[in-house]
Amino acid sequence: MTDHQSATYTHGYQNAVLRSHRTRTAANSAGYLLAELRPGQAVLDVGCGAGTITADLAELVGPEGRVVAVDSSAEVLAQAAAHAAGRGLRNIRFEVADAGELPFTGGEFDVVHAHQVLQHVADPVAVLREMRRVVAPDGAVAARDADYAAMTWYPELPELAAWLDLYRQTARANGGEPDAGRRLLAWAHAAGFAEVRASSSSWTFASPGERLWWGESWAERTTGSGLAATALARGIADRAELERIAAGWRHWTVEPDGWFGVLHGEILARG
């Protein structure tokens, strides 16, 4: 994740967070972008995190293409580089960088991509302007972000409602905008793009295995991640409340009718 100005990355880089992020692929997280990718392209992946999407992008542009992946965390970049090396990829370069001050020349890339980044920065319009600056005149800027207020689930457990309120308060206290998905189109317009194609897609967790994985991930993150640390430090919740929410997540994992949907906004922007 790459932050800009005063924003703080809400999730942090604990194992429970990265374990979740490592399940992301170009297919399940950047499907709207795939038709834009061709062998030989130069791609910039902003806020690459664990690097699993990055590695897929590198495979799609082929050995004749190149990918540069940036993040604010040297530690997570080292993990992303190890993942790429394990897949035998040699066309990726990893760099520490700020999304709002990208260390690249104008028009250097054919595609500039950011997944779940703009919700965590203090000035998403400024970040989009930087992404626009470094993309080629005929290239595309792609961004996808979840929209927390649009997340929905069943059964309607009060602990999950408390979790959503906790997360949105904490993300905003950190300088971000958790309901980013619905704002991407407006942010792209404000950044000056001449053409913006907006879309949406979703993740669904409903099978027993999906419920267990998603619910346990959030139970751990609620009590032992950057989310928990900020919530406690700012008085948004106390330890007992975090434990109550985590227990609610674990209750949800064993509900035979449990279902959770995550809506994402997406943009492909040009010009």
C-alpha atoms as a PDB file:
ATOM      1  CA  MET A   1       0.000   0.000   0.000  1.00  0.00           C
ATOM      2  CA  THR A   2       1.260   3.489  -0.782  1.00  0.00           C
ATOM      3  CA  ASP A   3       0.064   6.415   1.295  1.00  0.00           C
ATOM      4  CA  HIS A   4       0.217  10.138   0.529  1.00  0.00           C
ATOM      5  CA  GLN A   5       0.453  13.167   2.802  1.00  0.00           C
ATOM      6  CA  SER A   6      -1.079  12.549   6.256  1.00  0.00           C
ATOM      7  CA  ALA A   7      -3.039   9.346   5.654  1.00  0.00           C
ATOM      8  CA  THR A   8      -2.222   6.157   7.574  1.00  0.00           C
ATOM      9  CA  TYR A   9      -2.768   2.699   6.120  1.00  0.00           C
ATOM     10  CA  THR A  10      -5.647   1.424   8.242  1.00  0.00           C
ATOM     11  CA  HIS A  11      -5.078  -2.313   7.860  1.00  0.00           C
ATOM     12  CA  GLY A  12      -1.366  -2.446   8.628  1.00  0.00           C
ATOM     13  CA  TYR A  13       0.885  -5.286   7.491  1.00  0.00           C
ATOM     14  CA  GLN A  14       0.205  -7.996  10.047  1.00  0.00           C
ATOM     15  CA  ASN A  15       0.054 -11.592   8.837  1.00  0.00           C
ATOM     16  CA  ALA A  16      -3.748 -11.754   8.961  1.00  0.00           C
ATOM     17  CA  VAL A  17      -3.900  -8.803   6.561  1.00  0.00           C
ATOM     18  CA  LEU A  18      -1.274 -10.082   4.139  1.00  0.00           C
ATOM     19  CA  ARG A  19      -2.759 -13.578   4.198  1.00  0.00           C
ATOM     20  CA  SER A  20      -5.964 -12.053   2.882  1.00  0.00           C
ATOM     21  CA  HIS A  21      -4.198  -9.903   0.309  1.00  0.00           C
ATOM     22  CA  ARG A  22      -2.246 -12.856  -1.087  1.00  0.00           C
ATOM     23  CA  THR A  23      -5.498 -14.358  -2.403  1.00  0.00           C
ATOM     24  CA  ARG A  24      -5.934 -11.450  -4.822  1.00  0.00           C
ATOM     25  CA  THR A  25      -5.283 -12.150  -8.489  1.00  0.00           C
ATOM     26  CA  ALA A  26      -5.704 -10.232 -11.718  1.00  0.00           C
ATOM     27  CA  ALA A  27      -8.710 -12.448 -12.469  1.00  0.00           C
ATOM     28  CA  ASN A  28     -10.577 -11.822  -9.196  1.00  0.00           C
ATOM     29  CA  SER A  29      -9.441  -8.248  -8.596  1.00  0.00           C
ATOM     30  CA  ALA A  30      -8.640  -6.622 -11.966  1.00  0.00           C
ATOM     31  CA  GLY A  31     -10.956  -8.284 -14.449  1.00  0.00           C
ATOM     32  CA  TYR A  32     -12.079  -4.913 -15.807  1.00  0.00           C
ATOM     33  CA  LEU A  33      -8.462  -4.194 -16.831  1.00  0.00           C
ATOM     34  CA  LEU A  34      -7.492  -7.448 -18.550  1.00  0.00           C
ATOM     35  CA  ALA A  35      -8.668  -6.476 -22.043  1.00  0.00           C
ATOM     36  CA  GLU A  36      -6.291  -3.490 -21.929  1.00  0.00           C
ATOM     37  CA  LEU A  37      -3.175  -5.598 -21.385  1.00  0.00           C
ATOM     38  CA  ARG A  38      -0.940  -6.742 -24.248  1.00  0.00           C
ATOM     39  CA  PRO A  39       2.519  -8.304 -24.519  1.00  0.00           C
ATOM     40  CA  GLY A  40       5.314  -5.767 -24.475  1.00  0.00           C
ATOM     41  CA  GLN A  41       3.567  -3.075 -22.436  1.00  0.00           C
ATOM     42  CA  ALA A  42       5.089  -1.096 -19.588  1.00  0.00           C
ATOM     43  CA  VAL A  43       2.884  -1.259 -16.462  1.00  0.00           C
ATOM     44  CA  LEU A  44       3.095   0.603 -13.156  1.00  0.00           C
ATOM     45  CA  ASP A  45       1.398  -1.066 -10.169  1.00  0.00           C
ATOM     46  CA  VAL A  46       0.820   1.544  -7.462  1.00  0.00           C
ATOM     47  CA  GLY A  47       0.473   0.270  -3.886  1.00  0.00           C
ATOM     48  CA  CYS A  48       1.282  -3.295  -4.932  1.00  0.00           C
ATOM     49  CA  GLY A  49       1.198  -4.787  -1.417  1.00  0.00           C
ATOM     50  CA  ALA A  50       1.790  -8.529  -1.392  1.00  0.00           C
ATOM     51  CA  GLY A  51       2.422  -8.504  -5.153  1.00  0.00           C
ATOM     52  CA  THR A  52       0.115 -11.293  -6.288  1.00  0.00           C
ATOM     53  CA  ILE A  53      -1.772  -9.053  -8.728  1.00  0.00           C
ATOM     54  CA  THR A  54       1.557  -7.545  -9.810  1.00  0.00           C
ATOM     55  CA  ALA A  55       2.894 -10.969 -10.718  1.00  0.00           C
ATOM     56  CA  ASP A  56      -0.193 -11.732 -12.795  1.00  0.00           C
ATOM     57  CA  LEU A  57       0.181  -8.420 -14.644  1.00  0.00           C
ATOM     58  CA  ALA A  58       3.817  -9.277 -15.374  1.00  0.00           C
ATOM     59  CA  GLU A  59       2.789 -12.607 -16.865  1.00  0.00           C
ATOM     60  CA  LEU A  60       0.143 -10.919 -19.012  1.00  0.00           C
ATOM     61  CA  VAL A  61       2.574  -8.413 -20.567  1.00  0.00           C
ATOM     62  CA  GLY A  62       5.108 -11.186 -21.041  1.00  0.00           C
ATOM     63  CA  PRO A  63       8.893 -11.197 -20.804  1.00  0.00           C
ATOM     64  CA  GLU A  64       9.065  -8.520 -23.497  1.00  0.00           C
ATOM     65  CA  GLY A  65       7.007  -6.226 -21.253  1.00  0.00           C
ATOM     66  CA  ARG A  66       7.982  -4.689 -17.929  1.00  0.00           C
ATOM     67  CA  VAL A  67       6.243  -3.961 -14.639  1.00  0.00           C
ATOM     68  CA  VAL A  68       7.316  -1.512 -11.957  1.00  0.00           C
ATOM     69  CA  ALA A  69       5.643  -2.063  -8.581  1.00  0.00           C
ATOM     70  CA  VAL A  70       5.727   0.578  -5.843  1.00  0.00           C
ATOM     71  CA  ASP A  71       4.632   0.636  -2.218  1.00  0.00           C
ATOM     72  CA  SER A  72       5.449   2.682   0.866  1.00  0.00           C
ATOM     73  CA  SER A  73       6.539  -0.397   2.852  1.00  0.00           C
ATOM     74  CA  ALA A  74       9.974  -1.872   2.138  1.00  0.00           C
ATOM     75  CA  GLU A  75       9.003  -4.934   4.180  1.00  0.00           C
ATOM     76  CA  VAL A  76       5.968  -5.790   2.092  1.00  0.00           C
ATOM     77  CA  LEU A  77       7.915  -5.088  -1.109  1.00  0.00           C
ATOM     78  CA  ALA A  78      10.475  -7.702  -0.057  1.00  0.00           C
ATOM     79  CA  GLN A  79       7.661 -10.228   0.313  1.00  0.00           C
ATOM     80  CA  ALA A  80       6.233  -9.236  -3.070  1.00  0.00           C
ATOM     81  CA  ALA A  81       9.659  -9.649  -4.687  1.00  0.00           C
ATOM     82  CA  ALA A  82      10.012 -13.114  -3.137  1.00  0.00           C
ATOM     83  CA  HIS A  83       6.592 -14.074  -4.523  1.00  0.00           C
ATOM     84  CA  ALA A  84       7.593 -12.911  -8.013  1.00  0.00           C
ATOM     85  CA  ALA A  85      10.912 -14.758  -7.814  1.00  0.00           C
ATOM     86  CA  GLY A  86       9.085 -17.917  -6.754  1.00  0.00           C
ATOM     87  CA  ARG A  87       7.048 -17.687  -9.941  1.00  0.00           C
ATOM     88  CA  GLY A  88      10.164 -17.198 -12.047  1.00  0.00           C
ATOM     89  CA  LEU A  89       9.286 -13.663 -13.114  1.00  0.00           C
ATOM     90  CA  ARG A  90      12.184 -11.424 -14.130  1.00  0.00           C
ATOM     91  CA  ASN A  91      10.320  -8.472 -15.644  1.00  0.00           C
ATOM     92  CA  ILE A  92       9.262  -6.751 -12.388  1.00  0.00           C
ATOM     93  CA  ARG A  93      11.128  -4.017 -10.523  1.00  0.00           C
ATOM     94  CA  PHE A  94      10.047  -3.164  -6.960  1.00  0.00           C
ATOM     95  CA  GLU A  95      10.581   0.316  -5.485  1.00  0.00           C
ATOM     96  CA  VAL A  96       9.610   2.225  -2.347  1.00  0.00           C
ATOM     97  CA  ALA A  97       7.647   5.289  -3.450  1.00  0.00           C
ATOM     98  CA  ASP A  98       4.872   7.692  -2.498  1.00  0.00           C
ATOM     99  CA  ALA A  99       1.810   7.455  -4.757  1.00  0.00           C
ATOM    100  CA  GLY A 100       1.463  11.238  -4.689  1.00  0.00           C
ATOM    101  CA  GLU A 101       5.061  11.840  -5.839  1.00  0.00           C
ATOM    102  CA  LEU A 102       5.868   9.061  -8.279  1.00  0.00           C
ATOM    103  CA  PRO A 103       9.579   9.016  -9.249  1.00  0.00           C
ATOM    104  CA  PHE A 104       8.937   8.485 -12.959  1.00  0.00           C
ATOM    105  CA  THR A 105       8.941  10.610 -16.090  1.00  0.00           C
ATOM    106  CA  GLY A 106       5.783  11.786 -17.777  1.00  0.00           C
ATOM    107  CA  GLY A 107       4.137   9.271 -20.099  1.00  0.00           C
ATOM    108  CA  GLU A 108       6.480   6.446 -19.098  1.00  0.00           C
ATOM    109  CA  PHE A 109       3.853   3.681 -18.778  1.00  0.00           C
ATOM    110  CA  ASP A 110       1.173   2.195 -21.003  1.00  0.00           C
ATOM    111  CA  VAL A 111      -0.974   1.198 -18.023  1.00  0.00           C
ATOM    112  CA  VAL A 112      -0.992   2.507 -14.451  1.00  0.00           C
ATOM    113  CA  HIS A 113      -2.930   0.365 -11.978  1.00  0.00           C
ATOM    114  CA  ALA A 114      -3.968   0.745  -8.335  1.00  0.00           C
ATOM    115  CA  HIS A 115      -6.012  -1.783  -6.383  1.00  0.00           C
ATOM    116  CA  GLN A 116      -7.526  -0.760  -3.002  1.00  0.00           C
ATOM    117  CA  VAL A 117      -5.227   2.266  -2.791  1.00  0.00           C
ATOM    118  CA  LEU A 118      -7.270   5.435  -3.237  1.00  0.00           C
ATOM    119  CA  GLN A 119      -9.429   4.708  -0.192  1.00  0.00           C
ATOM    120  CA  HIS A 120      -6.326   4.953   2.005  1.00  0.00           C
ATOM    121  CA  VAL A 121      -4.754   8.214   0.805  1.00  0.00           C
ATOM    122  CA  ALA A 122      -5.425  11.714   2.074  1.00  0.00           C
ATOM    123  CA  ASP A 123      -5.794  13.207  -1.409  1.00  0.00           C
ATOM    124  CA  PRO A 124      -7.019  10.642  -3.944  1.00  0.00           C
ATOM    125  CA  VAL A 125      -7.440  13.284  -6.647  1.00  0.00           C
ATOM    126  CA  ALA A 126      -3.771  14.259  -6.341  1.00  0.00           C
ATOM    127  CA  VAL A 127      -2.767  10.579  -6.592  1.00  0.00           C
ATOM    128  CA  LEU A 128      -4.893  10.144  -9.719  1.00  0.00           C
ATOM    129  CA  ARG A 129      -3.249  13.237 -11.214  1.00  0.00           C
ATOM    130  CA  GLU A 130       0.159  11.647 -10.616  1.00  0.00           C
ATOM    131  CA  MET A 131      -1.024   8.405 -12.201  1.00  0.00           C
ATOM    132  CA  ARG A 132      -2.313  10.449 -15.152  1.00  0.00           C
ATOM    133  CA  ARG A 133       1.045  12.250 -15.440  1.00  0.00           C
ATOM    134  CA  VAL A 134       3.087   9.061 -15.806  1.00  0.00           C
ATOM    135  CA  VAL A 135       0.762   7.247 -18.227  1.00  0.00           C
ATOM    136  CA  ALA A 136       1.279   7.539 -21.992  1.00  0.00           C
ATOM    137  CA  PRO A 137      -1.149   9.803 -23.910  1.00  0.00           C
ATOM    138  CA  ASP A 138      -2.876   6.734 -25.367  1.00  0.00           C
ATOM    139  CA  GLY A 139      -2.568   4.694 -22.163  1.00  0.00           C
ATOM    140  CA  ALA A 140      -5.018   3.839 -19.390  1.00  0.00           C
ATOM    141  CA  VAL A 141      -5.191   4.472 -15.665  1.00  0.00           C
ATOM    142  CA  ALA A 142      -7.071   1.739 -13.779  1.00  0.00           C
ATOM    143  CA  ALA A 143      -8.288   1.870 -10.184  1.00  0.00           C
ATOM    144  CA  ARG A 144     -10.530  -0.392  -8.117  1.00  0.00           C
ATOM    145  CA  ASP A 145     -11.663   0.231  -4.535  1.00  0.00           C
ATOM    146  CA  ALA A 146     -14.143  -1.353  -2.175  1.00  0.00           C
ATOM    147  CA  ASP A 147     -17.101   0.616  -0.860  1.00  0.00           C
ATOM    148  CA  TYR A 148     -17.587  -0.249   2.799  1.00  0.00           C
ATOM    149  CA  ALA A 149     -21.006   1.356   3.202  1.00  0.00           C
ATOM    150  CA  ALA A 150     -22.238  -0.855   0.353  1.00  0.00           C
ATOM    151  CA  MET A 151     -21.066  -4.093   1.986  1.00  0.00           C
ATOM    152  CA  THR A 152     -23.937  -6.340   2.997  1.00  0.00           C
ATOM    153  CA  TRP A 153     -24.367  -9.642   4.793  1.00  0.00           C
ATOM    154  CA  TYR A 154     -26.734 -12.179   6.287  1.00  0.00           C
ATOM    155  CA  PRO A 155     -27.665 -12.938   9.040  1.00  0.00           C
ATOM    156  CA  GLU A 156     -27.812  -9.331  10.226  1.00  0.00           C
ATOM    157  CA  LEU A 157     -25.662  -9.809  13.299  1.00  0.00           C
ATOM    158  CA  PRO A 158     -25.265  -6.676  15.450  1.00  0.00           C
ATOM    159  CA  GLU A 159     -21.548  -7.377  15.896  1.00  0.00           C
ATOM    160  CA  LEU A 160     -20.990  -7.055  12.137  1.00  0.00           C
ATOM    161  CA  ALA A 161     -22.895  -3.773  12.080  1.00  0.00           C
ATOM    162  CA  ALA A 162     -20.599  -2.618  14.893  1.00  0.00           C
ATOM    163  CA  TRP A 163     -17.586  -3.796  12.862  1.00  0.00           C
ATOM    164  CA  LEU A 164     -18.644  -1.717   9.862  1.00  0.00           C
ATOM    165  CA  ASP A 165     -19.117   1.372  12.010  1.00  0.00           C
ATOM    166  CA  LEU A 166     -15.758   0.746  13.688  1.00  0.00           C
ATOM    167  CA  TYR A 167     -13.950   0.336  10.388  1.00  0.00           C
ATOM    168  CA  ARG A 168     -15.453   3.424   8.759  1.00  0.00           C
ATOM    169  CA  GLN A 169     -14.703   5.594  11.801  1.00  0.00           C
ATOM    170  CA  THR A 170     -11.142   4.303  12.025  1.00  0.00           C
ATOM    171  CA  ALA A 171     -10.395   4.686   8.317  1.00  0.00           C
ATOM    172  CA  ARG A 172     -11.594   8.283   8.389  1.00  0.00           C
ATOM    173  CA  ALA A 173      -9.598   8.971  11.544  1.00  0.00           C
ATOM    174  CA  ASN A 174      -6.569   7.795   9.552  1.00  0.00           C
ATOM    175  CA  GLY A 175      -7.322  10.297   6.784  1.00  0.00           C
ATOM    176  CA  GLY A 176      -8.859   7.881   4.276  1.00  0.00           C
ATOM    177  CA  GLU A 177     -12.277   7.417   2.679  1.00  0.00           C
ATOM    178  CA  PRO A 178     -13.688   3.900   3.232  1.00  0.00           C
ATOM    179  CA  ASP A 179     -16.631   4.444   0.864  1.00  0.00           C
ATOM    180  CA  ALA A 180     -14.269   5.053  -2.043  1.00  0.00           C
ATOM    181  CA  GLY A 181     -15.848   2.802  -4.647  1.00  0.00           C
ATOM    182  CA  ARG A 182     -18.754   5.149  -5.361  1.00  0.00           C
ATOM    183  CA  ARG A 183     -16.406   8.156  -5.515  1.00  0.00           C
ATOM    184  CA  LEU A 184     -13.885   6.910  -8.097  1.00  0.00           C
ATOM    185  CA  LEU A 185     -15.725   8.423 -11.060  1.00  0.00           C
ATOM    186  CA  ALA A 186     -15.956  11.824  -9.360  1.00  0.00           C
ATOM    187  CA  TRP A 187     -12.309  11.701  -8.316  1.00  0.00           C
ATOM    188  CA  ALA A 188     -11.226  10.843 -11.883  1.00  0.00           C
ATOM    189  CA  HIS A 189     -13.239  13.743 -13.264  1.00  0.00           C
ATOM    190  CA  ALA A 190     -11.662  16.074 -10.694  1.00  0.00           C
ATOM    191  CA  ALA A 191      -8.210  14.799 -11.699  1.00  0.00           C
ATOM    192  CA  GLY A 192      -8.833  15.994 -15.247  1.00  0.00           C
ATOM    193  CA  PHE A 193      -9.286  12.796 -17.234  1.00  0.00           C
ATOM    194  CA  ALA A 194     -11.068  13.348 -20.550  1.00  0.00           C
ATOM    195  CA  GLU A 195     -12.653   9.903 -20.699  1.00  0.00           C
ATOM    196  CA  VAL A 196     -13.641   7.706 -17.762  1.00  0.00           C
ATOM    197  CA  ARG A 197     -15.373   4.351 -17.970  1.00  0.00           C
ATOM    198  CA  ALA A 198     -16.872   3.354 -14.617  1.00  0.00           C
ATOM    199  CA  SER A 199     -17.917  -0.161 -13.644  1.00  0.00           C
ATOM    200  CA  SER A 200     -18.373  -2.322 -10.578  1.00  0.00           C
ATOM    201  CA  SER A 201     -17.776  -5.896  -9.503  1.00  0.00           C
ATOM    202  CA  SER A 202     -18.032  -7.861  -6.303  1.00  0.00           C
ATOM    203  CA  TRP A 203     -16.575 -10.555  -4.094  1.00  0.00           C
ATOM    204  CA  THR A 204     -18.969 -13.000  -2.467  1.00  0.00           C
ATOM    205  CA  PHE A 205     -18.271 -15.245   0.538  1.00  0.00           C
ATOM    206  CA  ALA A 206     -20.978 -17.842   1.064  1.00  0.00           C
ATOM    207  CA  SER A 207     -19.610 -21.390   1.026  1.00  0.00           C
ATOM    208  CA  PRO A 208     -18.469 -22.909   4.346  1.00  0.00           C
ATOM    209  CA  GLY A 209     -14.828 -22.545   3.356  1.00  0.00           C
ATOM    210  CA  GLU A 210     -15.262 -18.953   2.169  1.00  0.00           C
ATOM    211  CA  ARG A 211     -17.121 -17.999   5.338  1.00  0.00           C
ATOM    212  CA  LEU A 212     -14.442 -19.524   7.537  1.00  0.00           C
ATOM    213  CA  TRP A 213     -11.637 -17.802   5.661  1.00  0.00           C
ATOM    214  CA  TRP A 214     -13.287 -14.356   5.462  1.00  0.00           C
ATOM    215  CA  GLY A 215     -14.705 -14.359   8.974  1.00  0.00           C
ATOM    216  CA  GLU A 216     -11.531 -15.598  10.668  1.00  0.00           C
ATOM    217  CA  SER A 217      -9.498 -13.045   8.737  1.00  0.00           C
ATOM    218  CA  TRP A 218     -11.639 -10.191  10.009  1.00  0.00           C
ATOM    219  CA  ALA A 219     -11.823 -11.621  13.523  1.00  0.00           C
ATOM    220  CA  GLU A 220      -8.014 -11.584  13.673  1.00  0.00           C
ATOM    221  CA  ARG A 221      -7.754  -8.154  12.061  1.00  0.00           C
ATOM    222  CA  THR A 222     -10.311  -6.658  14.452  1.00  0.00           C
ATOM    223  CA  THR A 223      -8.210  -7.554  17.473  1.00  0.00           C
ATOM    224  CA  GLY A 224      -4.633  -7.623  16.174  1.00  0.00           C
ATOM    225  CA  SER A 225      -3.951  -5.314  13.212  1.00  0.00           C
ATOM    226  CA  GLY A 226      -3.488  -1.655  12.395  1.00  0.00           C
ATOM    227  CA  LEU A 227      -7.270  -1.325  12.582  1.00  0.00           C
ATOM    228  CA  ALA A 228      -7.265  -2.444  16.229  1.00  0.00           C
ATOM    229  CA  ALA A 229      -4.273  -0.298  17.158  1.00  0.00           C
ATOM    230  CA  THR A 230      -5.830   2.876  15.762  1.00  0.00           C
ATOM    231  CA  ALA A 231      -9.264   2.160  17.208  1.00  0.00           C
ATOM    232  CA  LEU A 232      -7.779   1.691  20.677  1.00  0.00           C
ATOM    233  CA  ALA A 233      -5.401   4.651  20.462  1.00  0.00           C
ATOM    234  CA  ARG A 234      -8.146   7.046  19.332  1.00  0.00           C
ATOM    235  CA  GLY A 235     -10.793   5.773  21.729  1.00  0.00           C
ATOM    236  CA  ILE A 236     -13.074   4.538  18.942  1.00  0.00           C
ATOM    237  CA  ALA A 237     -13.404   1.200  20.739  1.00  0.00           C
ATOM    238  CA  ASP A 238     -12.017  -0.535  23.807  1.00  0.00           C
ATOM    239  CA  ARG A 239     -10.533  -4.009  23.975  1.00  0.00           C
ATOM    240  CA  ALA A 240     -13.802  -5.570  25.150  1.00  0.00           C
ATOM    241  CA  GLU A 241     -15.666  -4.141  22.157  1.00  0.00           C
ATOM    242  CA  LEU A 242     -13.045  -5.440  19.737  1.00  0.00           C
ATOM    243  CA  GLU A 243     -13.289  -8.896  21.288  1.00  0.00           C
ATOM    244  CA  ARG A 244     -17.087  -8.760  21.033  1.00  0.00           C
ATOM    245  CA  ILE A 245     -16.909  -7.901  17.332  1.00  0.00           C
ATOM    246  CA  ALA A 246     -14.360 -10.672  16.700  1.00  0.00           C
ATOM    247  CA  ALA A 247     -16.652 -13.172  18.413  1.00  0.00           C
ATOM    248  CA  GLY A 248     -19.473 -11.985  16.159  1.00  0.00           C
ATOM    249  CA  TRP A 249     -17.362 -12.666  13.097  1.00  0.00           C
ATOM    250  CA  ARG A 250     -16.627 -16.186  14.345  1.00  0.00           C
ATOM    251  CA  HIS A 251     -20.333 -16.727  15.004  1.00  0.00           C
ATOM    252  CA  TRP A 252     -21.039 -15.697  11.409  1.00  0.00           C
ATOM    253  CA  THR A 253     -18.523 -18.219  10.017  1.00  0.00           C
ATOM    254  CA  VAL A 254     -20.631 -21.155  11.275  1.00  0.00           C
ATOM    255  CA  GLU A 255     -23.998 -19.794  10.156  1.00  0.00           C
ATOM    256  CA  PRO A 256     -25.174 -22.255   7.463  1.00  0.00           C
ATOM    257  CA  ASP A 257     -26.953 -19.423   5.629  1.00  0.00           C
ATOM    258  CA  GLY A 258     -24.128 -16.917   6.099  1.00  0.00           C
ATOM    259  CA  TRP A 259     -23.453 -14.679   3.105  1.00  0.00           C
ATOM    260  CA  PHE A 260     -21.252 -11.601   2.649  1.00  0.00           C
ATOM    261  CA  GLY A 261     -20.964  -9.334  -0.398  1.00  0.00           C
ATOM    262  CA  VAL A 262     -18.240  -6.744  -1.096  1.00  0.00           C
ATOM    263  CA  LEU A 263     -19.011  -4.181  -3.806  1.00  0.00           C
ATOM    264  CA  HIS A 264     -16.127  -2.510  -5.641  1.00  0.00           C
ATOM    265  CA  GLY A 265     -16.096   0.556  -7.849  1.00  0.00           C
ATOM    266  CA  GLU A 266     -13.737   0.546 -10.836  1.00  0.00           C
ATOM    267  CA  ILE A 267     -12.516   3.102 -13.356  1.00  0.00           C
ATOM    268  CA  LEU A 268     -10.572   2.998 -16.624  1.00  0.00           C
ATOM    269  CA  ALA A 269      -9.500   6.562 -17.323  1.00  0.00           C
ATOM    270  CA  ARG A 270      -7.765   8.181 -20.293  1.00  0.00           C
ATOM    271  CA  GLY A 271      -6.724  11.549 -21.582  1.00  0.00           C
END
